[in-house]
Amino acid sequence: MNDTMIERAPRRLRAGIVGGGRGAFIGSVHRLAAELDGEAQVVAGALSSDPQVASESAAAWFLERSYASYEAMAAGESTAAKGIDFVIIATPNDLHCPVAKRFLAAGIHVVCDKPLALSVREGEELAQLVESGTALFALTHNYTGHPAVRQARHMVSAGELGEIRKVMVEYCQDWLMEPLESRGNKQAAWRTDPARAGAGGCIGDIGSHAANLVEFVTGSEIEAVCADLSAFVPGRRLDDDANVLVRLASGGKGSLVCSQVACGEENRLALRVYGSRAGLEWHQEEPNTLHYKPAGAPWERLRAGQAYLSAAARMASRLPPGHPEGYLEAFANLYRSFIQDVRRTQRGEAPLRDYPQVREGLRGLRFIAGAVESARAGSVWVRL
């Protein structure tokens, strides 16, 4: 059997990763999620701007090929006989756009951590490149992969809540209560640096996830914000706490609270949606439960994996009811949909694009920019 025949046979997709090397939490998450279903394997990487760290990290992951730069990786993989099918971007924010551009130009599909870019203008340039090309692009707003979140979206779309009147979302952590950026913590250093993180600190890092969750579940865009951003830790250049009023295009209103100085909180992401007929409540720290609150009737406790859930929610569940599944599996759900689309394009079929894309990335950038503009102007309303 020759190489051409081998390549035409069903095979595991080959993935590469930029960033995410030694000491980076998110790189391992992406790798595990991409490989969870056995449909893809990370085989190449440019894992650090430090050549030694890049080489050592690649060796620790048993990668076939290690590169000293993402430029060299894009060039090498685009011409290799068995080059990668898609690349994972797990770098600090300032590199998301330039790395994505380089691989898209090479015709390689892209999975990018959020945010899409550092600014709306930069994001729009990237969006034009995606829309004018043939390579697929996915953005890992991973919380949309949870079965309970998929169920919530289905119930809102099916009209079970009636007219959406109010949304309340919070995302609180405490890991930046101290000035870690001045104590050698690399994650804190770049996430609080405007040149690397962008104009928003907490509002960009976790507030954008909260905003995306609102829009995903309600099916309505946030059309205006009124924001109060604070940096409680002395000397911090970006916000570490945010309180935002939001108006939805559908007419609903709500609040978005996020903080990285909320003492005692680990990763408290919670969403409540209230309609004219019922309400919903979901907590990421107990992700397999969705509370349904119909008017004038007892609350219902909907659980992941159960046959009574929607098809979209059932498809997002890998385990029988009562078996915990969460963060990694939600991430992997996005990868599973993306990998299926890569296979479709390889067969000459149209992709389904059932995952966050460049449009959601632009929505996130406009939310961050609007919140920062509002806060700087004295917490005035800003249309997105």
Protein backbone atom coordinates (compact mmCIF):
# COMPACT_ATOMS: atom_id res chain seq x y z
CA MET A 1 0.00 0.00 0.00
CA ASN A 2 1.52 3.34 -1.03
CA ASP A 3 1.52 6.58 0.99
CA THR A 4 -1.37 8.05 -1.00
CA MET A 5 -3.58 5.07 -0.22
CA ILE A 6 -2.61 5.27 3.44
CA GLU A 7 -3.51 8.97 3.62
CA ARG A 8 -6.92 8.34 2.03
CA ALA A 9 -7.78 5.73 4.63
CA PRO A 10 -9.55 6.78 7.84
CA ARG A 11 -6.98 8.05 10.29
CA ARG A 12 -6.54 10.05 13.43
CA LEU A 13 -6.18 13.76 12.65
CA ARG A 14 -2.81 15.36 13.32
CA ALA A 15 -2.80 18.48 15.51
CA GLY A 16 -0.15 21.00 16.42
CA ILE A 17 -0.05 23.44 19.32
CA VAL A 18 1.50 26.88 19.72
CA GLY A 19 2.16 27.94 23.31
CA GLY A 20 0.99 26.01 26.33
CA GLY A 21 4.36 24.54 27.29
CA ARG A 22 5.86 23.87 30.70
CA GLY A 23 4.02 25.70 33.50
CA ALA A 24 1.01 26.66 31.36
CA PHE A 25 -2.30 25.20 32.57
CA ILE A 26 -4.33 25.83 29.42
CA GLY A 27 -1.98 24.03 27.03
CA SER A 28 -2.48 20.69 28.77
CA VAL A 29 -6.24 21.28 28.83
CA HIS A 30 -6.31 21.81 25.06
CA ARG A 31 -4.17 18.74 24.41
CA LEU A 32 -6.27 16.49 26.63
CA ALA A 33 -9.52 17.80 25.17
CA ALA A 34 -8.35 17.42 21.58
CA GLU A 35 -7.28 13.83 22.22
CA LEU A 36 -10.12 12.74 24.52
CA ASP A 37 -12.22 10.98 21.86
CA GLY A 38 -9.24 9.39 20.11
CA GLU A 39 -10.01 11.31 16.90
CA ALA A 40 -6.87 13.48 16.97
CA GLN A 41 -3.37 13.50 18.37
CA VAL A 42 -1.04 16.42 19.03
CA VAL A 43 2.13 15.60 17.11
CA ALA A 44 3.92 18.94 16.69
CA GLY A 45 4.39 22.12 18.65
CA ALA A 46 6.07 25.45 19.15
CA LEU A 47 5.47 25.34 22.87
CA SER A 48 7.45 28.35 24.09
CA SER A 49 9.35 31.41 22.90
CA ASP A 50 12.26 30.01 24.91
CA PRO A 51 13.86 27.34 22.66
CA GLN A 52 14.98 25.20 25.57
CA VAL A 53 11.58 25.26 27.24
CA ALA A 54 9.95 24.52 23.87
CA SER A 55 12.22 21.51 23.30
CA GLU A 56 11.83 20.15 26.84
CA SER A 57 8.05 20.60 26.76
CA ALA A 58 7.77 18.79 23.42
CA ALA A 59 9.85 15.94 24.78
CA ALA A 60 7.65 15.69 27.87
CA TRP A 61 4.60 15.32 25.59
CA PHE A 62 6.41 12.87 23.25
CA LEU A 63 5.73 15.11 20.26
CA GLU A 64 7.15 14.04 16.92
CA ARG A 65 8.27 17.53 15.92
CA SER A 66 9.28 20.61 17.93
CA TYR A 67 9.78 24.09 16.50
CA ALA A 68 11.55 27.15 17.89
CA SER A 69 8.90 29.53 16.52
CA TYR A 70 5.34 29.46 15.26
CA GLU A 71 6.52 30.93 11.95
CA ALA A 72 8.82 27.96 11.40
CA MET A 73 6.05 25.60 12.44
CA ALA A 74 3.50 27.03 10.00
CA ALA A 75 6.01 26.85 7.16
CA GLY A 76 7.18 23.36 8.01
CA GLU A 77 3.79 21.79 8.65
CA SER A 78 2.13 23.29 5.56
CA THR A 79 4.65 21.56 3.29
CA ALA A 80 5.24 18.33 5.22
CA ALA A 81 3.97 15.08 3.69
CA LYS A 82 2.18 14.31 6.93
CA GLY A 83 1.72 17.81 8.28
CA ILE A 84 -0.87 18.81 10.84
CA ASP A 85 -4.55 19.09 9.97
CA PHE A 86 -5.19 21.84 12.52
CA VAL A 87 -3.34 23.99 15.01
CA ILE A 88 -4.23 24.88 18.60
CA ILE A 89 -3.35 28.39 19.77
CA ALA A 90 -2.76 28.45 23.54
CA THR A 91 -0.53 31.51 23.84
CA PRO A 92 -0.98 34.77 25.77
CA ASN A 93 -3.58 37.04 24.16
CA ASP A 94 -1.19 39.24 22.17
CA LEU A 95 -0.16 36.31 19.99
CA HIS A 96 -3.61 34.93 19.17
CA CYS A 97 -4.12 37.07 16.07
CA PRO A 98 -0.63 36.91 14.52
CA VAL A 99 -0.37 33.15 15.05
CA ALA A 100 -3.86 32.56 13.63
CA LYS A 101 -3.08 34.71 10.59
CA ARG A 102 0.09 32.78 9.86
CA PHE A 103 -1.58 29.36 9.97
CA LEU A 104 -4.72 30.47 8.14
CA ALA A 105 -2.50 31.85 5.37
CA ALA A 106 -0.86 28.42 5.22
CA GLY A 107 -4.28 26.80 4.78
CA ILE A 108 -4.26 25.10 8.19
CA HIS A 109 -7.45 24.95 10.29
CA VAL A 110 -7.29 26.83 13.61
CA VAL A 111 -8.60 26.30 17.14
CA CYS A 112 -7.86 29.42 19.18
CA ASP A 113 -8.23 30.18 22.85
CA LYS A 114 -10.21 33.34 23.54
CA PRO A 115 -10.02 36.30 23.11
CA LEU A 116 -9.89 36.47 19.33
CA ALA A 117 -7.38 39.34 19.37
CA LEU A 118 -6.22 42.34 21.41
CA SER A 119 -8.63 44.86 19.87
CA VAL A 120 -11.80 45.07 17.80
CA ARG A 121 -9.84 46.38 14.81
CA GLU A 122 -7.39 43.49 14.99
CA GLY A 123 -10.27 41.06 15.39
CA GLU A 124 -12.05 42.44 12.35
CA GLU A 125 -8.92 41.95 10.26
CA LEU A 126 -8.69 38.35 11.39
CA ALA A 127 -12.39 37.81 10.73
CA GLN A 128 -11.98 39.03 7.15
CA LEU A 129 -9.14 36.56 6.65
CA VAL A 130 -11.24 33.70 8.03
CA GLU A 131 -14.29 34.60 5.95
CA SER A 132 -12.32 34.97 2.73
CA GLY A 133 -10.47 31.67 3.14
CA THR A 134 -11.32 27.99 3.31
CA ALA A 135 -9.70 27.04 6.62
CA LEU A 136 -11.99 26.45 9.60
CA PHE A 137 -11.72 28.57 12.74
CA ALA A 138 -13.00 27.71 16.23
CA LEU A 139 -12.83 29.78 19.41
CA THR A 140 -12.83 27.87 22.69
CA HIS A 141 -15.61 29.43 24.72
CA ASN A 142 -15.61 26.06 26.44
CA TYR A 143 -18.56 26.56 28.80
CA THR A 144 -20.91 26.30 25.82
CA GLY A 145 -19.92 22.62 25.64
CA HIS A 146 -21.61 21.60 28.90
CA PRO A 147 -24.71 19.40 28.47
CA ALA A 148 -26.72 21.50 30.94
CA VAL A 149 -25.83 24.69 29.06
CA ARG A 150 -26.90 23.08 25.79
CA GLN A 151 -30.17 22.10 27.49
CA ALA A 152 -30.70 25.65 28.76
CA ARG A 153 -30.19 27.03 25.25
CA HIS A 154 -32.66 24.50 23.86
CA MET A 155 -35.33 25.37 26.44
CA VAL A 156 -35.01 29.10 25.81
CA SER A 157 -35.13 28.59 22.04
CA ALA A 158 -38.17 26.32 22.36
CA GLY A 159 -40.04 29.06 24.24
CA GLU A 160 -40.31 27.14 27.51
CA LEU A 161 -39.27 30.24 29.50
CA GLY A 162 -41.49 32.61 27.55
CA GLU A 163 -40.23 36.14 26.95
CA ILE A 164 -36.76 36.61 28.44
CA ARG A 165 -36.92 39.47 30.90
CA LYS A 166 -33.83 39.26 33.08
CA VAL A 167 -30.42 37.59 33.08
CA MET A 168 -27.91 37.50 35.93
CA VAL A 169 -24.44 36.07 35.44
CA GLU A 170 -21.43 36.08 37.74
CA TYR A 171 -17.92 34.78 37.37
CA CYS A 172 -15.83 35.17 40.51
CA GLN A 173 -12.34 33.98 41.49
CA ASP A 174 -9.81 35.02 44.12
CA TRP A 175 -6.48 34.08 42.53
CA LEU A 176 -5.41 37.71 41.94
CA MET A 177 -6.17 38.99 45.45
CA GLU A 178 -2.44 39.60 45.90
CA PRO A 179 -0.04 41.37 43.48
CA LEU A 180 1.24 38.11 42.02
CA GLU A 181 2.41 39.92 38.90
CA SER A 182 5.19 41.51 40.95
CA ARG A 183 6.17 38.21 42.57
CA GLY A 184 7.32 36.24 39.56
CA ASN A 185 4.00 34.61 38.62
CA LYS A 186 4.10 34.39 34.81
CA GLN A 187 0.34 33.94 34.39
CA ALA A 188 -0.43 36.97 36.54
CA ALA A 189 2.28 39.01 34.81
CA TRP A 190 0.90 38.77 31.29
CA ARG A 191 -2.77 38.76 32.29
CA THR A 192 -2.35 42.14 34.04
CA ASP A 193 -0.22 43.67 31.27
CA PRO A 194 -2.25 45.76 28.77
CA ALA A 195 0.31 45.09 26.02
CA ARG A 196 -0.24 41.33 26.32
CA ALA A 197 -3.76 40.93 27.71
CA GLY A 198 -5.52 43.80 25.96
CA ALA A 199 -7.60 46.68 27.32
CA GLY A 200 -9.51 44.53 29.80
CA GLY A 201 -8.18 42.55 32.75
CA CYS A 202 -10.82 40.64 34.64
CA ILE A 203 -13.52 41.85 32.23
CA GLY A 204 -11.56 40.37 29.32
CA ASP A 205 -10.27 37.22 30.97
CA ILE A 206 -13.46 35.89 32.57
CA GLY A 207 -16.07 38.59 31.91
CA SER A 208 -15.98 37.71 28.22
CA HIS A 209 -16.86 34.09 29.11
CA ALA A 210 -19.83 35.33 31.14
CA ALA A 211 -21.03 37.55 28.30
CA ASN A 212 -20.69 34.72 25.80
CA LEU A 213 -22.69 32.42 28.08
CA VAL A 214 -25.53 34.96 28.23
CA GLU A 215 -25.67 35.32 24.47
CA PHE A 216 -25.34 31.57 23.83
CA VAL A 217 -28.17 30.56 26.18
CA THR A 218 -30.59 33.42 25.45
CA GLY A 219 -29.91 33.59 21.72
CA SER A 220 -29.90 37.37 22.05
CA GLU A 221 -26.94 39.71 21.69
CA ILE A 222 -25.92 42.16 24.39
CA GLU A 223 -26.59 45.46 22.66
CA ALA A 224 -25.48 47.94 25.38
CA VAL A 225 -23.49 47.98 28.63
CA CYS A 226 -23.01 50.27 31.61
CA ALA A 227 -19.83 49.25 33.41
CA ASP A 228 -17.94 50.00 36.61
CA LEU A 229 -14.42 48.53 36.48
CA SER A 230 -12.01 48.57 39.40
CA ALA A 231 -8.42 47.62 40.14
CA PHE A 232 -8.43 46.94 43.87
CA VAL A 233 -4.82 45.76 44.11
CA PRO A 234 -2.55 48.83 44.30
CA GLY A 235 -0.45 49.38 41.20
CA ARG A 236 -2.42 46.96 39.02
CA ARG A 237 -2.78 48.36 35.50
CA LEU A 238 -5.92 46.46 34.49
CA ASP A 239 -9.23 45.85 36.23
CA ASP A 240 -9.54 42.96 38.66
CA ASP A 241 -13.25 43.49 39.39
CA ALA A 242 -16.24 44.50 37.24
CA ASN A 243 -19.92 45.26 37.70
CA VAL A 244 -21.86 45.64 34.45
CA LEU A 245 -25.48 46.33 33.58
CA VAL A 246 -26.51 44.84 30.25
CA ARG A 247 -29.36 45.31 27.79
CA LEU A 248 -30.25 42.52 25.37
CA ALA A 249 -31.35 43.12 21.81
CA SER A 250 -34.49 41.09 22.58
CA GLY A 251 -35.53 43.60 25.26
CA GLY A 252 -34.32 41.72 28.31
CA LYS A 253 -32.07 43.33 30.89
CA GLY A 254 -29.59 42.06 33.40
CA SER A 255 -26.33 42.23 35.28
CA LEU A 256 -22.89 40.75 34.80
CA VAL A 257 -20.49 40.58 37.73
CA CYS A 258 -16.95 39.26 37.52
CA SER A 259 -14.05 39.45 39.91
CA GLN A 260 -10.61 37.95 40.45
CA VAL A 261 -10.32 39.38 43.96
CA ALA A 262 -13.44 37.71 45.43
CA CYS A 263 -11.99 36.13 48.56
CA GLY A 264 -12.80 32.43 48.93
CA GLU A 265 -14.14 31.89 45.41
CA GLU A 266 -12.46 29.31 43.18
CA ASN A 267 -14.20 29.41 39.81
CA ARG A 268 -17.75 30.52 40.54
CA LEU A 269 -19.48 30.89 37.19
CA ALA A 270 -23.25 30.98 37.59
CA LEU A 271 -26.10 31.94 35.27
CA ARG A 272 -29.73 32.73 35.97
CA VAL A 273 -32.25 33.43 33.21
CA TYR A 274 -35.79 34.61 34.00
CA GLY A 275 -38.63 34.60 31.49
CA SER A 276 -42.36 35.35 31.60
CA ARG A 277 -43.16 31.65 32.13
CA ALA A 278 -40.15 30.12 33.90
CA GLY A 279 -36.57 30.56 35.02
CA LEU A 280 -33.31 28.61 34.73
CA GLU A 281 -30.24 28.43 36.96
CA TRP A 282 -26.84 26.80 36.30
CA HIS A 283 -23.59 26.69 38.28
CA GLN A 284 -20.30 25.69 36.65
CA GLU A 285 -18.91 24.29 39.89
CA GLU A 286 -21.79 21.76 39.84
CA PRO A 287 -22.13 21.59 36.06
CA ASN A 288 -24.33 18.53 35.55
CA THR A 289 -27.44 20.11 37.10
CA LEU A 290 -29.81 22.63 35.53
CA HIS A 291 -32.57 24.06 37.71
CA TYR A 292 -35.86 24.76 35.92
CA LYS A 293 -38.28 27.04 37.76
CA PRO A 294 -41.75 27.07 36.16
CA ALA A 295 -44.25 29.65 37.32
CA GLY A 296 -46.61 28.35 40.00
CA ALA A 297 -45.07 24.88 40.04
CA PRO A 298 -42.28 23.06 41.88
CA TRP A 299 -38.73 23.48 40.67
CA GLU A 300 -37.34 20.71 38.47
CA ARG A 301 -33.78 19.43 38.72
CA LEU A 302 -32.58 18.39 35.27
CA ARG A 303 -29.49 16.19 35.18
CA ALA A 304 -26.89 15.57 32.47
CA GLY A 305 -27.02 12.18 30.80
CA GLN A 306 -30.76 11.64 31.26
CA ALA A 307 -32.94 10.56 28.34
CA TYR A 308 -35.46 13.35 28.94
CA LEU A 309 -32.98 16.04 27.85
CA SER A 310 -32.81 17.55 24.37
CA ALA A 311 -30.82 15.88 21.62
CA ALA A 312 -28.17 18.61 21.83
CA ALA A 313 -27.71 18.02 25.56
CA ARG A 314 -27.62 14.23 25.18
CA MET A 315 -24.98 14.51 22.47
CA ALA A 316 -22.80 16.52 24.86
CA SER A 317 -22.90 13.80 27.54
CA ARG A 318 -20.34 10.98 27.44
CA LEU A 319 -21.16 9.22 30.72
CA PRO A 320 -24.22 7.59 32.31
CA PRO A 321 -26.24 9.76 34.72
CA GLY A 322 -24.57 10.33 38.07
CA HIS A 323 -21.00 10.06 36.78
CA PRO A 324 -19.28 13.44 37.11
CA GLU A 325 -18.17 15.08 33.89
CA GLY A 326 -17.33 18.71 33.43
CA TYR A 327 -14.60 21.07 32.34
CA LEU A 328 -12.46 18.78 30.17
CA GLU A 329 -15.46 17.09 28.61
CA ALA A 330 -17.05 20.46 27.75
CA PHE A 331 -13.79 21.51 26.09
CA ALA A 332 -13.69 18.16 24.26
CA ASN A 333 -17.24 18.65 22.96
CA LEU A 334 -16.07 21.70 21.02
CA TYR A 335 -13.10 19.74 19.68
CA ARG A 336 -15.34 16.84 18.68
CA SER A 337 -17.58 19.12 16.61
CA PHE A 338 -14.58 20.88 15.10
CA ILE A 339 -12.82 17.62 14.21
CA GLN A 340 -16.00 16.34 12.56
CA ASP A 341 -16.03 19.50 10.44
CA VAL A 342 -12.39 19.03 9.46
CA ARG A 343 -13.30 15.55 8.26
CA ARG A 344 -16.28 16.94 6.36
CA THR A 345 -14.11 19.45 4.52
CA GLN A 346 -11.63 16.69 3.70
CA ARG A 347 -14.51 14.78 2.08
CA GLY A 348 -15.62 17.87 0.19
CA GLU A 349 -18.72 18.38 2.35
CA ALA A 350 -20.00 21.57 3.94
CA PRO A 351 -19.03 22.06 7.63
CA LEU A 352 -21.77 22.37 10.27
CA ARG A 353 -19.83 24.82 12.50
CA ASP A 354 -21.51 23.78 15.75
CA TYR A 355 -18.96 25.59 17.96
CA PRO A 356 -17.99 29.21 18.73
CA GLN A 357 -16.36 30.87 15.75
CA VAL A 358 -14.89 34.18 14.67
CA ARG A 359 -18.26 35.92 15.02
CA GLU A 360 -18.43 35.05 18.71
CA GLY A 361 -14.85 36.26 19.01
CA LEU A 362 -15.80 39.66 17.61
CA ARG A 363 -18.80 39.82 19.94
CA GLY A 364 -16.44 39.25 22.87
CA LEU A 365 -14.03 41.95 21.76
CA ARG A 366 -16.85 44.46 21.34
CA PHE A 367 -18.14 43.59 24.80
CA ILE A 368 -14.70 44.17 26.36
CA ALA A 369 -14.19 47.43 24.46
CA GLY A 370 -17.66 48.66 25.36
CA ALA A 371 -17.22 47.91 29.05
CA VAL A 372 -13.84 49.66 29.17
CA GLU A 373 -15.23 52.69 27.30
CA SER A 374 -18.22 52.89 29.63
CA ALA A 375 -16.09 52.72 32.78
CA ARG A 376 -13.63 55.34 31.55
CA ALA A 377 -16.49 57.71 30.74
CA GLY A 378 -17.95 57.45 34.23
CA SER A 379 -20.16 54.36 33.82
CA VAL A 380 -22.33 55.63 30.98
CA TRP A 381 -24.33 53.42 28.65
CA VAL A 382 -22.38 52.32 25.57
CA ARG A 383 -23.87 50.51 22.59
CA LEU A 384 -21.87 47.57 21.29
